[in-house]
Amino acid sequence: MVSRSLRAWFVVHFWADMLFGVPLLVAPGTLMGLFGWTVVDPFTARLVGAALLGIGGVSLLARDAGVETYRALLGLKMIWSAAAVAGMVLTLAQGGAPPAGWLFVGIFSGFFGVWAYHRARLR
């Protein structure tokens, strides 16, 4: 059985991804500038925006799905968030991002924790 809490987290995740995904697609330089980036590659930023919209959109579409769908999506979300954290930490360690990058590390780490917790409970 899929808990109400996990279903709610999928909706929260949808809104979080929309909050950042849409601006990354439409105005990546403006959004990233708000967080201290002075040089923004719009191609890469829009690719990340598209990934956020895809993963977040599936979160909303699957919110009423069964346990097998949730297991699969939690695996995807855990891999995505862990890889994102690893990539961001490497970039920050090399001095390639402003300090606000740690905010994004925290957000992705937090979501990883939520997904890992719920994935363990679905076993």
PDB file of N, CA and C in Angstrom:
ATOM      1  N   MET A   1       0.836  -1.190   0.000  1.00  0.00           N
ATOM      2  CA  MET A   1       0.000   0.000   0.000  1.00  0.00           C
ATOM      3  C   MET A   1       0.882   1.256   0.000  1.00  0.00           C
ATOM      4  N   VAL A   2       0.475   2.257  -0.720  1.00  0.00           N
ATOM      5  CA  VAL A   2       1.203   3.528  -0.800  1.00  0.00           C
ATOM      6  C   VAL A   2       0.597   4.487   0.226  1.00  0.00           C
ATOM      7  N   SER A   3       1.437   5.024   1.087  1.00  0.00           N
ATOM      8  CA  SER A   3       0.946   5.913   2.147  1.00  0.00           C
ATOM      9  C   SER A   3       0.455   7.244   1.584  1.00  0.00           C
ATOM     10  N   ARG A   4      -0.426   7.861   2.343  1.00  0.00           N
ATOM     11  CA  ARG A   4      -0.909   9.197   1.962  1.00  0.00           C
ATOM     12  C   ARG A   4       0.235  10.196   1.984  1.00  0.00           C
ATOM     13  N   SER A   5       1.164   9.990   2.908  1.00  0.00           N
ATOM     14  CA  SER A   5       2.324  10.873   3.012  1.00  0.00           C
ATOM     15  C   SER A   5       3.152  10.840   1.734  1.00  0.00           C
ATOM     16  N   LEU A   6       3.418   9.651   1.217  1.00  0.00           N
ATOM     17  CA  LEU A   6       4.210   9.549  -0.010  1.00  0.00           C
ATOM     18  C   LEU A   6       3.475  10.167  -1.181  1.00  0.00           C
ATOM     19  N   ARG A   7       2.181   9.917  -1.271  1.00  0.00           N
ATOM     20  CA  ARG A   7       1.394  10.539  -2.352  1.00  0.00           C
ATOM     21  C   ARG A   7       1.470  12.061  -2.255  1.00  0.00           C
ATOM     22  N   ALA A   8       1.413  12.595  -1.032  1.00  0.00           N
ATOM     23  CA  ALA A   8       1.516  14.045  -0.835  1.00  0.00           C
ATOM     24  C   ALA A   8       2.900  14.544  -1.241  1.00  0.00           C
ATOM     25  N   TRP A   9       3.957  13.784  -0.921  1.00  0.00           N
ATOM     26  CA  TRP A   9       5.307  14.181  -1.302  1.00  0.00           C
ATOM     27  C   TRP A   9       5.465  14.230  -2.816  1.00  0.00           C
ATOM     28  N   PHE A  10       4.777  13.347  -3.524  1.00  0.00           N
ATOM     29  CA  PHE A  10       4.844  13.389  -4.984  1.00  0.00           C
ATOM     30  C   PHE A  10       4.251  14.699  -5.511  1.00  0.00           C
ATOM     31  N   VAL A  11       3.190  15.180  -4.890  1.00  0.00           N
ATOM     32  CA  VAL A  11       2.585  16.453  -5.314  1.00  0.00           C
ATOM     33  C   VAL A  11       3.511  17.618  -4.944  1.00  0.00           C
ATOM     34  N   VAL A  12       4.092  17.572  -3.746  1.00  0.00           N
ATOM     35  CA  VAL A  12       5.059  18.604  -3.348  1.00  0.00           C
ATOM     36  C   VAL A  12       6.223  18.635  -4.337  1.00  0.00           C
ATOM     37  N   HIS A  13       6.692  17.452  -4.713  1.00  0.00           N
ATOM     38  CA  HIS A  13       7.807  17.359  -5.657  1.00  0.00           C
ATOM     39  C   HIS A  13       7.424  17.951  -7.018  1.00  0.00           C
ATOM     40  N   PHE A  14       6.209  17.699  -7.448  1.00  0.00           N
ATOM     41  CA  PHE A  14       5.731  18.298  -8.702  1.00  0.00           C
ATOM     42  C   PHE A  14       5.856  19.819  -8.638  1.00  0.00           C
ATOM     43  N   TRP A  15       5.336  20.422  -7.570  1.00  0.00           N
ATOM     44  CA  TRP A  15       5.364  21.882  -7.471  1.00  0.00           C
ATOM     45  C   TRP A  15       6.780  22.432  -7.345  1.00  0.00           C
ATOM     46  N   ALA A  16       7.638  21.748  -6.604  1.00  0.00           N
ATOM     47  CA  ALA A  16       9.031  22.188  -6.487  1.00  0.00           C
ATOM     48  C   ALA A  16       9.725  22.151  -7.843  1.00  0.00           C
ATOM     49  N   ASP A  17       9.486  21.074  -8.592  1.00  0.00           N
ATOM     50  CA  ASP A  17      10.110  20.972  -9.914  1.00  0.00           C
ATOM     51  C   ASP A  17       9.556  22.008 -10.883  1.00  0.00           C
ATOM     52  N   MET A  18       8.280  22.315 -10.791  1.00  0.00           N
ATOM     53  CA  MET A  18       7.705  23.345 -11.656  1.00  0.00           C
ATOM     54  C   MET A  18       8.271  24.715 -11.303  1.00  0.00           C
ATOM     55  N   LEU A  19       8.438  24.964  -9.996  1.00  0.00           N
ATOM     56  CA  LEU A  19       8.940  26.251  -9.526  1.00  0.00           C
ATOM     57  C   LEU A  19      10.298  26.590 -10.133  1.00  0.00           C
ATOM     58  N   PHE A  20      11.155  25.573 -10.301  1.00  0.00           N
ATOM     59  CA  PHE A  20      12.477  25.807 -10.876  1.00  0.00           C
ATOM     60  C   PHE A  20      12.558  25.426 -12.350  1.00  0.00           C
ATOM     61  N   GLY A  21      11.818  24.406 -12.768  1.00  0.00           N
ATOM     62  CA  GLY A  21      11.908  23.916 -14.145  1.00  0.00           C
ATOM     63  C   GLY A  21      11.420  24.903 -15.176  1.00  0.00           C
ATOM     64  N   VAL A  22      10.281  25.526 -14.924  1.00  0.00           N
ATOM     65  CA  VAL A  22       9.726  26.478 -15.909  1.00  0.00           C
ATOM     66  C   VAL A  22      10.649  27.675 -16.097  1.00  0.00           C
ATOM     67  N   PRO A  23      11.110  28.330 -15.022  1.00  0.00           N
ATOM     68  CA  PRO A  23      12.035  29.447 -15.234  1.00  0.00           C
ATOM     69  C   PRO A  23      13.349  29.036 -15.903  1.00  0.00           C
ATOM     70  N   LEU A  24      13.826  27.820 -15.608  1.00  0.00           N
ATOM     71  CA  LEU A  24      15.053  27.369 -16.280  1.00  0.00           C
ATOM     72  C   LEU A  24      14.838  27.221 -17.775  1.00  0.00           C
ATOM     73  N   LEU A  25      13.663  26.829 -18.187  1.00  0.00           N
ATOM     74  CA  LEU A  25      13.370  26.729 -19.625  1.00  0.00           C
ATOM     75  C   LEU A  25      13.177  28.104 -20.266  1.00  0.00           C
ATOM     76  N   VAL A  26      12.495  28.992 -19.563  1.00  0.00           N
ATOM     77  CA  VAL A  26      12.106  30.284 -20.146  1.00  0.00           C
ATOM     78  C   VAL A  26      13.197  31.349 -20.014  1.00  0.00           C
ATOM     79  N   ALA A  27      13.798  31.449 -18.847  1.00  0.00           N
ATOM     80  CA  ALA A  27      14.768  32.525 -18.587  1.00  0.00           C
ATOM     81  C   ALA A  27      15.888  32.022 -17.675  1.00  0.00           C
ATOM     82  N   PRO A  28      16.720  31.116 -18.180  1.00  0.00           N
ATOM     83  CA  PRO A  28      17.739  30.518 -17.306  1.00  0.00           C
ATOM     84  C   PRO A  28      18.718  31.534 -16.714  1.00  0.00           C
ATOM     85  N   GLY A  29      19.137  32.525 -17.497  1.00  0.00           N
ATOM     86  CA  GLY A  29      20.086  33.522 -16.990  1.00  0.00           C
ATOM     87  C   GLY A  29      19.506  34.344 -15.854  1.00  0.00           C
ATOM     88  N   THR A  30      18.248  34.705 -15.988  1.00  0.00           N
ATOM     89  CA  THR A  30      17.587  35.493 -14.941  1.00  0.00           C
ATOM     90  C   THR A  30      17.468  34.692 -13.651  1.00  0.00           C
ATOM     91  N   LEU A  31      16.989  33.446 -13.764  1.00  0.00           N
ATOM     92  CA  LEU A  31      16.834  32.617 -12.560  1.00  0.00           C
ATOM     93  C   LEU A  31      18.176  32.361 -11.895  1.00  0.00           C
ATOM     94  N   MET A  32      19.149  31.922 -12.653  1.00  0.00           N
ATOM     95  CA  MET A  32      20.451  31.584 -12.071  1.00  0.00           C
ATOM     96  C   MET A  32      21.147  32.833 -11.516  1.00  0.00           C
ATOM     97  N   GLY A  33      20.910  33.982 -12.143  1.00  0.00           N
ATOM     98  CA  GLY A  33      21.468  35.237 -11.636  1.00  0.00           C
ATOM     99  C   GLY A  33      20.967  35.568 -10.245  1.00  0.00           C
ATOM    100  N   LEU A  34      19.738  35.188  -9.944  1.00  0.00           N
ATOM    101  CA  LEU A  34      19.188  35.422  -8.606  1.00  0.00           C
ATOM    102  C   LEU A  34      19.964  34.664  -7.528  1.00  0.00           C
ATOM    103  N   PHE A  35      20.630  33.586  -7.926  1.00  0.00           N
ATOM    104  CA  PHE A  35      21.377  32.762  -6.977  1.00  0.00           C
ATOM    105  C   PHE A  35      22.887  32.991  -7.055  1.00  0.00           C
ATOM    106  N   GLY A  36      23.308  33.998  -7.827  1.00  0.00           N
ATOM    107  CA  GLY A  36      24.709  34.368  -7.848  1.00  0.00           C
ATOM    108  C   GLY A  36      25.520  33.873  -9.039  1.00  0.00           C
ATOM    109  N   TRP A  37      24.886  33.162  -9.972  1.00  0.00           N
ATOM    110  CA  TRP A  37      25.631  32.733 -11.155  1.00  0.00           C
ATOM    111  C   TRP A  37      25.776  33.922 -12.087  1.00  0.00           C
ATOM    112  N   THR A  38      27.011  34.167 -12.514  1.00  0.00           N
ATOM    113  CA  THR A  38      27.261  35.274 -13.438  1.00  0.00           C
ATOM    114  C   THR A  38      27.402  34.785 -14.867  1.00  0.00           C
ATOM    115  N   VAL A  39      27.777  33.528 -15.028  1.00  0.00           N
ATOM    116  CA  VAL A  39      27.893  32.920 -16.347  1.00  0.00           C
ATOM    117  C   VAL A  39      26.965  31.707 -16.374  1.00  0.00           C
ATOM    118  N   VAL A  40      26.028  31.705 -17.305  1.00  0.00           N
ATOM    119  CA  VAL A  40      25.048  30.620 -17.388  1.00  0.00           C
ATOM    120  C   VAL A  40      25.050  30.064 -18.797  1.00  0.00           C
ATOM    121  N   ASP A  41      25.191  28.761 -18.905  1.00  0.00           N
ATOM    122  CA  ASP A  41      25.058  28.079 -20.188  1.00  0.00           C
ATOM    123  C   ASP A  41      23.575  27.767 -20.372  1.00  0.00           C
ATOM    124  N   PRO A  42      22.878  28.491 -21.249  1.00  0.00           N
ATOM    125  CA  PRO A  42      21.438  28.285 -21.385  1.00  0.00           C
ATOM    126  C   PRO A  42      21.068  26.887 -21.899  1.00  0.00           C
ATOM    127  N   PHE A  43      21.931  26.284 -22.682  1.00  0.00           N
ATOM    128  CA  PHE A  43      21.651  24.931 -23.191  1.00  0.00           C
ATOM    129  C   PHE A  43      21.553  23.950 -22.028  1.00  0.00           C
ATOM    130  N   THR A  44      22.561  23.966 -21.156  1.00  0.00           N
ATOM    131  CA  THR A  44      22.595  23.055 -20.014  1.00  0.00           C
ATOM    132  C   THR A  44      21.490  23.393 -19.014  1.00  0.00           C
ATOM    133  N   ALA A  45      21.293  24.665 -18.746  1.00  0.00           N
ATOM    134  CA  ALA A  45      20.249  25.077 -17.808  1.00  0.00           C
ATOM    135  C   ALA A  45      18.869  24.636 -18.296  1.00  0.00           C
ATOM    136  N   ARG A  46      18.624  24.773 -19.588  1.00  0.00           N
ATOM    137  CA  ARG A  46      17.326  24.350 -20.129  1.00  0.00           C
ATOM    138  C   ARG A  46      17.178  22.834 -20.124  1.00  0.00           C
ATOM    139  N   LEU A  47      18.271  22.127 -20.285  1.00  0.00           N
ATOM    140  CA  LEU A  47      18.234  20.670 -20.189  1.00  0.00           C
ATOM    141  C   LEU A  47      17.851  20.246 -18.769  1.00  0.00           C
ATOM    142  N   VAL A  48      18.423  20.892 -17.766  1.00  0.00           N
ATOM    143  CA  VAL A  48      18.052  20.614 -16.370  1.00  0.00           C
ATOM    144  C   VAL A  48      16.588  20.982 -16.139  1.00  0.00           C
ATOM    145  N   GLY A  49      16.158  22.105 -16.681  1.00  0.00           N
ATOM    146  CA  GLY A  49      14.746  22.496 -16.564  1.00  0.00           C
ATOM    147  C   GLY A  49      13.828  21.442 -17.156  1.00  0.00           C
ATOM    148  N   ALA A  50      14.200  20.910 -18.306  1.00  0.00           N
ATOM    149  CA  ALA A  50      13.392  19.868 -18.942  1.00  0.00           C
ATOM    150  C   ALA A  50      13.355  18.608 -18.075  1.00  0.00           C
ATOM    151  N   ALA A  51      14.485  18.241 -17.489  1.00  0.00           N
ATOM    152  CA  ALA A  51      14.519  17.075 -16.601  1.00  0.00           C
ATOM    153  C   ALA A  51      13.616  17.292 -15.392  1.00  0.00           C
ATOM    154  N   LEU A  52      13.677  18.473 -14.809  1.00  0.00           N
ATOM    155  CA  LEU A  52      12.810  18.776 -13.668  1.00  0.00           C
ATOM    156  C   LEU A  52      11.338  18.699 -14.057  1.00  0.00           C
ATOM    157  N   LEU A  53      10.995  19.250 -15.216  1.00  0.00           N
ATOM    158  CA  LEU A  53       9.599  19.198 -15.656  1.00  0.00           C
ATOM    159  C   LEU A  53       9.149  17.767 -15.915  1.00  0.00           C
ATOM    160  N   GLY A  54      10.026  16.960 -16.497  1.00  0.00           N
ATOM    161  CA  GLY A  54       9.679  15.571 -16.769  1.00  0.00           C
ATOM    162  C   GLY A  54       9.486  14.766 -15.501  1.00  0.00           C
ATOM    163  N   ILE A  55      10.437  14.851 -14.597  1.00  0.00           N
ATOM    164  CA  ILE A  55      10.361  14.080 -13.354  1.00  0.00           C
ATOM    165  C   ILE A  55       9.228  14.605 -12.470  1.00  0.00           C
ATOM    166  N   GLY A  56       9.101  15.912 -12.388  1.00  0.00           N
ATOM    167  CA  GLY A  56       8.003  16.491 -11.603  1.00  0.00           C
ATOM    168  C   GLY A  56       6.646  16.202 -12.210  1.00  0.00           C
ATOM    169  N   GLY A  57       6.565  16.265 -13.532  1.00  0.00           N
ATOM    170  CA  GLY A  57       5.297  15.975 -14.200  1.00  0.00           C
ATOM    171  C   GLY A  57       4.841  14.549 -13.970  1.00  0.00           C
ATOM    172  N   VAL A  58       5.774  13.617 -14.005  1.00  0.00           N
ATOM    173  CA  VAL A  58       5.440  12.220 -13.733  1.00  0.00           C
ATOM    174  C   VAL A  58       4.994  12.066 -12.282  1.00  0.00           C
ATOM    175  N   SER A  59       5.572  12.847 -11.380  1.00  0.00           N
ATOM    176  CA  SER A  59       5.147  12.794  -9.978  1.00  0.00           C
ATOM    177  C   SER A  59       3.661  13.104  -9.856  1.00  0.00           C
ATOM    178  N   LEU A  60       3.218  14.122 -10.575  1.00  0.00           N
ATOM    179  CA  LEU A  60       1.800  14.478 -10.511  1.00  0.00           C
ATOM    180  C   LEU A  60       0.939  13.425 -11.209  1.00  0.00           C
ATOM    181  N   LEU A  61       1.357  12.993 -12.384  1.00  0.00           N
ATOM    182  CA  LEU A  61       0.564  12.017 -13.133  1.00  0.00           C
ATOM    183  C   LEU A  61       0.431  10.681 -12.408  1.00  0.00           C
ATOM    184  N   ALA A  62       1.459  10.305 -11.650  1.00  0.00           N
ATOM    185  CA  ALA A  62       1.466   8.991 -10.993  1.00  0.00           C
ATOM    186  C   ALA A  62       0.975   9.028  -9.554  1.00  0.00           C
ATOM    187  N   ARG A  63       0.529  10.166  -9.085  1.00  0.00           N
ATOM    188  CA  ARG A  63       0.187  10.287  -7.667  1.00  0.00           C
ATOM    189  C   ARG A  63      -0.893   9.305  -7.208  1.00  0.00           C
ATOM    190  N   ASP A  64      -1.725   8.819  -8.110  1.00  0.00           N
ATOM    191  CA  ASP A  64      -2.781   7.867  -7.751  1.00  0.00           C
ATOM    192  C   ASP A  64      -2.456   6.440  -8.185  1.00  0.00           C
ATOM    193  N   ALA A  65      -1.208   6.194  -8.577  1.00  0.00           N
ATOM    194  CA  ALA A  65      -0.806   4.881  -9.075  1.00  0.00           C
ATOM    195  C   ALA A  65      -0.639   3.880  -7.927  1.00  0.00           C
ATOM    196  N   GLY A  66      -0.353   2.647  -8.313  1.00  0.00           N
ATOM    197  CA  GLY A  66      -0.155   1.580  -7.344  1.00  0.00           C
ATOM    198  C   GLY A  66       1.280   1.479  -6.872  1.00  0.00           C
ATOM    199  N   VAL A  67       1.499   0.526  -5.994  1.00  0.00           N
ATOM    200  CA  VAL A  67       2.782   0.381  -5.319  1.00  0.00           C
ATOM    201  C   VAL A  67       3.922   0.080  -6.290  1.00  0.00           C
ATOM    202  N   GLU A  68       3.692  -0.703  -7.333  1.00  0.00           N
ATOM    203  CA  GLU A  68       4.778  -1.025  -8.275  1.00  0.00           C
ATOM    204  C   GLU A  68       5.249   0.214  -9.025  1.00  0.00           C
ATOM    205  N   THR A  69       4.337   1.068  -9.397  1.00  0.00           N
ATOM    206  CA  THR A  69       4.712   2.322 -10.060  1.00  0.00           C
ATOM    207  C   THR A  69       5.524   3.191  -9.112  1.00  0.00           C
ATOM    208  N   TYR A  70       5.081   3.270  -7.864  1.00  0.00           N
ATOM    209  CA  TYR A  70       5.816   4.059  -6.876  1.00  0.00           C
ATOM    210  C   TYR A  70       7.221   3.512  -6.649  1.00  0.00           C
ATOM    211  N   ARG A  71       7.360   2.194  -6.575  1.00  0.00           N
ATOM    212  CA  ARG A  71       8.696   1.603  -6.401  1.00  0.00           C
ATOM    213  C   ARG A  71       9.621   2.030  -7.543  1.00  0.00           C
ATOM    214  N   ALA A  72       9.129   1.925  -8.763  1.00  0.00           N
ATOM    215  CA  ALA A  72       9.950   2.285  -9.920  1.00  0.00           C
ATOM    216  C   ALA A  72      10.303   3.770  -9.904  1.00  0.00           C
ATOM    217  N   LEU A  73       9.328   4.610  -9.638  1.00  0.00           N
ATOM    218  CA  LEU A  73       9.584   6.050  -9.644  1.00  0.00           C
ATOM    219  C   LEU A  73      10.488   6.475  -8.491  1.00  0.00           C
ATOM    220  N   LEU A  74      10.362   5.825  -7.359  1.00  0.00           N
ATOM    221  CA  LEU A  74      11.258   6.141  -6.250  1.00  0.00           C
ATOM    222  C   LEU A  74      12.698   5.786  -6.602  1.00  0.00           C
ATOM    223  N   GLY A  75      12.889   4.679  -7.304  1.00  0.00           N
ATOM    224  CA  GLY A  75      14.236   4.330  -7.767  1.00  0.00           C
ATOM    225  C   GLY A  75      14.796   5.403  -8.686  1.00  0.00           C
ATOM    226  N   LEU A  76      13.983   5.856  -9.632  1.00  0.00           N
ATOM    227  CA  LEU A  76      14.395   6.930 -10.537  1.00  0.00           C
ATOM    228  C   LEU A  76      14.737   8.190  -9.763  1.00  0.00           C
ATOM    229  N   LYS A  77      13.873   8.582  -8.842  1.00  0.00           N
ATOM    230  CA  LYS A  77      14.083   9.813  -8.081  1.00  0.00           C
ATOM    231  C   LYS A  77      15.331   9.723  -7.200  1.00  0.00           C
ATOM    232  N   MET A  78      15.588   8.540  -6.640  1.00  0.00           N
ATOM    233  CA  MET A  78      16.783   8.378  -5.812  1.00  0.00           C
ATOM    234  C   MET A  78      18.055   8.471  -6.648  1.00  0.00           C
ATOM    235  N   ILE A  79      18.069   7.850  -7.813  1.00  0.00           N
ATOM    236  CA  ILE A  79      19.247   7.922  -8.688  1.00  0.00           C
ATOM    237  C   ILE A  79      19.463   9.354  -9.161  1.00  0.00           C
ATOM    238  N   TRP A  80      18.402  10.014  -9.596  1.00  0.00           N
ATOM    239  CA  TRP A  80      18.488  11.400 -10.081  1.00  0.00           C
ATOM    240  C   TRP A  80      19.013  12.327  -8.980  1.00  0.00           C
ATOM    241  N   SER A  81      18.434  12.240  -7.787  1.00  0.00           N
ATOM    242  CA  SER A  81      18.853  13.162  -6.732  1.00  0.00           C
ATOM    243  C   SER A  81      20.266  12.855  -6.237  1.00  0.00           C
ATOM    244  N   ALA A  82      20.638  11.583  -6.130  1.00  0.00           N
ATOM    245  CA  ALA A  82      21.997  11.239  -5.696  1.00  0.00           C
ATOM    246  C   ALA A  82      23.032  11.696  -6.726  1.00  0.00           C
ATOM    247  N   ALA A  83      22.756  11.469  -7.996  1.00  0.00           N
ATOM    248  CA  ALA A  83      23.681  11.903  -9.043  1.00  0.00           C
ATOM    249  C   ALA A  83      23.783  13.424  -9.081  1.00  0.00           C
ATOM    250  N   ALA A  84      22.656  14.105  -8.905  1.00  0.00           N
ATOM    251  CA  ALA A  84      22.671  15.570  -8.887  1.00  0.00           C
ATOM    252  C   ALA A  84      23.507  16.084  -7.721  1.00  0.00           C
ATOM    253  N   VAL A  85      23.338  15.492  -6.539  1.00  0.00           N
ATOM    254  CA  VAL A  85      24.122  15.908  -5.368  1.00  0.00           C
ATOM    255  C   VAL A  85      25.608  15.686  -5.630  1.00  0.00           C
ATOM    256  N   ALA A  86      25.967  14.526  -6.148  1.00  0.00           N
ATOM    257  CA  ALA A  86      27.374  14.236  -6.431  1.00  0.00           C
ATOM    258  C   ALA A  86      27.954  15.255  -7.412  1.00  0.00           C
ATOM    259  N   GLY A  87      27.229  15.533  -8.475  1.00  0.00           N
ATOM    260  CA  GLY A  87      27.705  16.494  -9.460  1.00  0.00           C
ATOM    261  C   GLY A  87      27.833  17.898  -8.900  1.00  0.00           C
ATOM    262  N   MET A  88      26.860  18.309  -8.108  1.00  0.00           N
ATOM    263  CA  MET A  88      26.917  19.650  -7.528  1.00  0.00           C
ATOM    264  C   MET A  88      28.059  19.778  -6.523  1.00  0.00           C
ATOM    265  N   VAL A  89      28.253  18.758  -5.689  1.00  0.00           N
ATOM    266  CA  VAL A  89      29.339  18.802  -4.706  1.00  0.00           C
ATOM    267  C   VAL A  89      30.695  18.859  -5.405  1.00  0.00           C
ATOM    268  N   LEU A  90      30.869  18.068  -6.456  1.00  0.00           N
ATOM    269  CA  LEU A  90      32.127  18.122  -7.218  1.00  0.00           C
ATOM    270  C   LEU A  90      32.360  19.518  -7.792  1.00  0.00           C
ATOM    271  N   THR A  91      31.322  20.104  -8.346  1.00  0.00           N
ATOM    272  CA  THR A  91      31.447  21.436  -8.930  1.00  0.00           C
ATOM    273  C   THR A  91      31.779  22.473  -7.860  1.00  0.00           C
ATOM    274  N   LEU A  92      31.090  22.402  -6.735  1.00  0.00           N
ATOM    275  CA  LEU A  92      31.366  23.340  -5.644  1.00  0.00           C
ATOM    276  C   LEU A  92      32.774  23.156  -5.092  1.00  0.00           C
ATOM    277  N   ALA A  93      33.232  21.923  -4.995  1.00  0.00           N
ATOM    278  CA  ALA A  93      34.586  21.646  -4.487  1.00  0.00           C
ATOM    279  C   ALA A  93      35.657  22.207  -5.415  1.00  0.00           C
ATOM    280  N   GLN A  94      35.353  22.291  -6.695  1.00  0.00           N
ATOM    281  CA  GLN A  94      36.297  22.827  -7.672  1.00  0.00           C
ATOM    282  C   GLN A  94      36.164  24.341  -7.816  1.00  0.00           C
ATOM    283  N   GLY A  95      35.276  24.943  -7.039  1.00  0.00           N
ATOM    284  CA  GLY A  95      35.090  26.389  -7.100  1.00  0.00           C
ATOM    285  C   GLY A  95      34.316  26.840  -8.316  1.00  0.00           C
ATOM    286  N   GLY A  96      33.517  25.955  -8.887  1.00  0.00           N
ATOM    287  CA  GLY A  96      32.808  26.278 -10.118  1.00  0.00           C
ATOM    288  C   GLY A  96      31.384  26.743  -9.952  1.00  0.00           C
ATOM    289  N   ALA A  97      30.989  27.116  -8.734  1.00  0.00           N
ATOM    290  CA  ALA A  97      29.620  27.584  -8.502  1.00  0.00           C
ATOM    291  C   ALA A  97      29.615  28.520  -7.305  1.00  0.00           C
ATOM    292  N   PRO A  98      28.660  29.437  -7.266  1.00  0.00           N
ATOM    293  CA  PRO A  98      28.567  30.328  -6.107  1.00  0.00           C
ATOM    294  C   PRO A  98      28.107  29.550  -4.864  1.00  0.00           C
ATOM    295  N   PRO A  99      28.300  30.135  -3.699  1.00  0.00           N
ATOM    296  CA  PRO A  99      27.909  29.464  -2.450  1.00  0.00           C
ATOM    297  C   PRO A  99      26.438  29.035  -2.415  1.00  0.00           C
ATOM    298  N   ALA A 100      25.572  29.718  -3.142  1.00  0.00           N
ATOM    299  CA  ALA A 100      24.151  29.340  -3.176  1.00  0.00           C
ATOM    300  C   ALA A 100      23.963  27.929  -3.719  1.00  0.00           C
ATOM    301  N   GLY A 101      24.987  27.395  -4.380  1.00  0.00           N
ATOM    302  CA  GLY A 101      24.906  26.018  -4.865  1.00  0.00           C
ATOM    303  C   GLY A 101      24.657  25.044  -3.734  1.00  0.00           C
ATOM    304  N   TRP A 102      25.135  25.374  -2.526  1.00  0.00           N
ATOM    305  CA  TRP A 102      24.906  24.496  -1.369  1.00  0.00           C
ATOM    306  C   TRP A 102      23.424  24.414  -1.027  1.00  0.00           C
ATOM    307  N   LEU A 103      22.677  25.465  -1.329  1.00  0.00           N
ATOM    308  CA  LEU A 103      21.216  25.422  -1.130  1.00  0.00           C
ATOM    309  C   LEU A 103      20.613  24.304  -1.977  1.00  0.00           C
ATOM    310  N   PHE A 104      21.061  24.208  -3.222  1.00  0.00           N
ATOM    311  CA  PHE A 104      20.543  23.165  -4.111  1.00  0.00           C
ATOM    312  C   PHE A 104      21.005  21.777  -3.690  1.00  0.00           C
ATOM    313  N   VAL A 105      22.219  21.692  -3.166  1.00  0.00           N
ATOM    314  CA  VAL A 105      22.691  20.418  -2.607  1.00  0.00           C
ATOM    315  C   VAL A 105      21.758  19.997  -1.468  1.00  0.00           C
ATOM    316  N   GLY A 106      21.406  20.954  -0.637  1.00  0.00           N
ATOM    317  CA  GLY A 106      20.502  20.663   0.481  1.00  0.00           C
ATOM    318  C   GLY A 106      19.123  20.233   0.036  1.00  0.00           C
ATOM    319  N   ILE A 107      18.591  20.903  -0.976  1.00  0.00           N
ATOM    320  CA  ILE A 107      17.261  20.558  -1.481  1.00  0.00           C
ATOM    321  C   ILE A 107      17.268  19.148  -2.070  1.00  0.00           C
ATOM    322  N   PHE A 108      18.236  18.865  -2.929  1.00  0.00           N
ATOM    323  CA  PHE A 108      18.295  17.540  -3.547  1.00  0.00           C
ATOM    324  C   PHE A 108      18.580  16.459  -2.508  1.00  0.00           C
ATOM    325  N   SER A 109      19.420  16.767  -1.516  1.00  0.00           N
ATOM    326  CA  SER A 109      19.702  15.808  -0.448  1.00  0.00           C
ATOM    327  C   SER A 109      18.446  15.535   0.375  1.00  0.00           C
ATOM    328  N   GLY A 110      17.696  16.586   0.651  1.00  0.00           N
ATOM    329  CA  GLY A 110      16.442  16.420   1.388  1.00  0.00           C
ATOM    330  C   GLY A 110      15.460  15.529   0.648  1.00  0.00           C
ATOM    331  N   PHE A 111      15.301  15.772  -0.647  1.00  0.00           N
ATOM    332  CA  PHE A 111      14.410  14.914  -1.430  1.00  0.00           C
ATOM    333  C   PHE A 111      14.939  13.482  -1.478  1.00  0.00           C
ATOM    334  N   PHE A 112      16.263  13.314  -1.593  1.00  0.00           N
ATOM    335  CA  PHE A 112      16.807  11.957  -1.575  1.00  0.00           C
ATOM    336  C   PHE A 112      16.417  11.253  -0.281  1.00  0.00           C
ATOM    337  N   GLY A 113      16.521  11.941   0.835  1.00  0.00           N
ATOM    338  CA  GLY A 113      16.148  11.351   2.121  1.00  0.00           C
ATOM    339  C   GLY A 113      14.686  10.942   2.170  1.00  0.00           C
ATOM    340  N   VAL A 114      13.823  11.799   1.654  1.00  0.00           N
ATOM    341  CA  VAL A 114      12.390  11.472   1.607  1.00  0.00           C
ATOM    342  C   VAL A 114      12.158  10.235   0.754  1.00  0.00           C
ATOM    343  N   TRP A 115      12.786  10.201  -0.420  1.00  0.00           N
ATOM    344  CA  TRP A 115      12.578   9.064  -1.335  1.00  0.00           C
ATOM    345  C   TRP A 115      13.144   7.777  -0.740  1.00  0.00           C
ATOM    346  N   ALA A 116      14.330   7.848  -0.135  1.00  0.00           N
ATOM    347  CA  ALA A 116      14.941   6.651   0.453  1.00  0.00           C
ATOM    348  C   ALA A 116      14.100   6.120   1.612  1.00  0.00           C
ATOM    349  N   TYR A 117      13.595   7.002   2.440  1.00  0.00           N
ATOM    350  CA  TYR A 117      12.745   6.605   3.556  1.00  0.00           C
ATOM    351  C   TYR A 117      11.507   5.865   3.052  1.00  0.00           C
ATOM    352  N   HIS A 118      10.840   6.465   2.091  1.00  0.00           N
ATOM    353  CA  HIS A 118       9.600   5.862   1.585  1.00  0.00           C
ATOM    354  C   HIS A 118       9.872   4.596   0.778  1.00  0.00           C
ATOM    355  N   ARG A 119      10.991   4.556   0.088  1.00  0.00           N
ATOM    356  CA  ARG A 119      11.332   3.334  -0.676  1.00  0.00           C
ATOM    357  C   ARG A 119      11.564   2.164   0.275  1.00  0.00           C
ATOM    358  N   ALA A 120      12.222   2.433   1.387  1.00  0.00           N
ATOM    359  CA  ALA A 120      12.459   1.377   2.386  1.00  0.00           C
ATOM    360  C   ALA A 120      11.141   0.889   2.996  1.00  0.00           C
ATOM    361  N   ARG A 121      10.196   1.780   3.153  1.00  0.00           N
ATOM    362  CA  ARG A 121       8.900   1.404   3.731  1.00  0.00           C
ATOM    363  C   ARG A 121       8.036   0.615   2.760  1.00  0.00           C
ATOM    364  N   LEU A 122       8.293   0.706   1.461  1.00  0.00           N
ATOM    365  CA  LEU A 122       7.491  -0.025   0.476  1.00  0.00           C
ATOM    366  C   LEU A 122       7.924  -1.484   0.334  1.00  0.00           C
ATOM    367  N   ARG A 123       9.033  -1.870   0.931  1.00  0.00           N
ATOM    368  CA  ARG A 123       9.541  -3.245   0.777  1.00  0.00           C
ATOM    369  C   ARG A 123       8.695  -4.263   1.456  1.00  0.00           C
TER     370      ARG A 123
END
